[in-house]
């Protein structure tokens, strides 16, 4: 299961609680897995296979934020760190 992948990659190796982790993911299954693992999730639209309407799919899958590119990911992460 994908959620286990996110759980295994963040614990115990880095020792950070799930609520403090951010998953950046372009697939709906990855977004759902990140959410299931308890992480904040940024849906990313930067891949070449992304089609119109994908942002809505990532949002429906549970993405906390959706970013068009890595520059926007950077802005979202910086905003989260400030709050």
Protein backbone atom coordinates (compact mmCIF):
# COMPACT_ATOMS: atom_id res chain seq x y z
CA UNK A 1 0.00 0.00 0.00
CA UNK A 2 1.31 3.46 -0.87
CA UNK A 3 0.50 4.97 2.52
CA UNK A 4 2.91 2.46 4.03
CA UNK A 5 5.57 3.71 1.63
CA UNK A 6 5.25 7.24 2.98
CA UNK A 7 5.15 5.93 6.56
CA UNK A 8 8.29 3.86 6.01
CA UNK A 9 10.25 6.64 4.35
CA UNK A 10 9.61 9.13 7.13
CA UNK A 11 9.98 6.85 10.17
CA UNK A 12 12.21 6.03 11.92
CA UNK A 13 14.91 7.24 9.56
CA UNK A 14 14.19 10.94 9.97
CA UNK A 15 12.16 10.89 13.18
CA UNK A 16 9.66 13.51 12.05
CA UNK A 17 5.96 13.19 12.94
CA UNK A 18 3.66 12.70 9.95
CA UNK A 19 1.90 15.99 10.65
CA UNK A 20 5.19 17.80 10.04
CA UNK A 21 5.94 16.05 6.73
CA UNK A 22 5.00 17.37 3.30
CA UNK A 23 4.39 15.04 0.38
CA UNK A 24 4.70 16.53 -3.11
CA UNK A 25 2.81 14.29 -5.50
CA UNK A 26 1.42 14.41 -9.03
CA UNK A 27 -0.82 11.35 -8.95
CA UNK A 28 -4.18 10.94 -7.27
CA UNK A 29 -3.07 7.66 -5.69
CA UNK A 30 0.04 9.37 -4.29
CA UNK A 31 -2.07 12.20 -2.88
CA UNK A 32 -4.38 9.69 -1.19
CA UNK A 33 -1.40 7.77 0.18
CA UNK A 34 0.18 10.92 1.59
CA UNK A 35 -3.09 11.84 3.26
CA UNK A 36 -3.54 8.31 4.63
CA UNK A 37 -0.04 8.53 6.13
CA UNK A 38 -1.07 11.74 7.90
CA UNK A 39 1.13 14.09 5.89
CA UNK A 40 0.36 17.46 4.35
CA UNK A 41 0.09 16.99 0.58
CA UNK A 42 0.88 19.35 -2.28
CA UNK A 43 -0.52 18.18 -5.60
CA UNK A 44 1.95 18.97 -8.39
CA UNK A 45 0.94 19.74 -11.97
CA UNK A 46 4.46 20.02 -13.41
CA UNK A 47 4.76 16.64 -15.17
CA UNK A 48 4.41 16.27 -18.93
CA UNK A 49 1.52 13.84 -18.67
CA UNK A 50 -0.74 16.30 -16.80
CA UNK A 51 -3.97 17.09 -18.65
CA UNK A 52 -6.70 19.67 -18.19
CA UNK A 53 -8.80 18.96 -15.12
CA UNK A 54 -5.99 17.24 -13.20
CA UNK A 55 -5.92 19.95 -10.52
CA UNK A 56 -9.55 19.15 -9.68
CA UNK A 57 -8.68 15.44 -9.46
CA UNK A 58 -5.79 16.11 -7.07
CA UNK A 59 -8.00 18.34 -4.95
CA UNK A 60 -10.74 15.70 -4.89
CA UNK A 61 -8.13 13.11 -3.85
CA UNK A 62 -7.33 15.27 -0.83
CA UNK A 63 -4.42 17.54 -1.75
CA UNK A 64 -4.15 20.40 0.75
CA UNK A 65 -2.64 22.60 -1.98
CA UNK A 66 -2.16 22.30 -5.74
CA UNK A 67 0.90 23.83 -7.41
CA UNK A 68 1.41 24.47 -11.11
CA UNK A 69 5.22 24.26 -10.85
CA UNK A 70 8.11 23.90 -8.41
CA UNK A 71 8.28 27.64 -7.87
CA UNK A 72 4.75 27.51 -6.49
CA UNK A 73 5.68 24.48 -4.36
CA UNK A 74 8.49 26.56 -2.89
CA UNK A 75 6.06 29.39 -2.05
CA UNK A 76 3.58 26.97 -0.43
CA UNK A 77 6.28 25.28 1.66
CA UNK A 78 7.72 28.63 2.80
CA UNK A 79 4.23 29.84 3.77
CA UNK A 80 3.64 26.64 5.77
CA UNK A 81 6.96 27.03 7.56
CA UNK A 82 6.11 30.60 8.57
CA UNK A 83 2.77 29.62 10.08
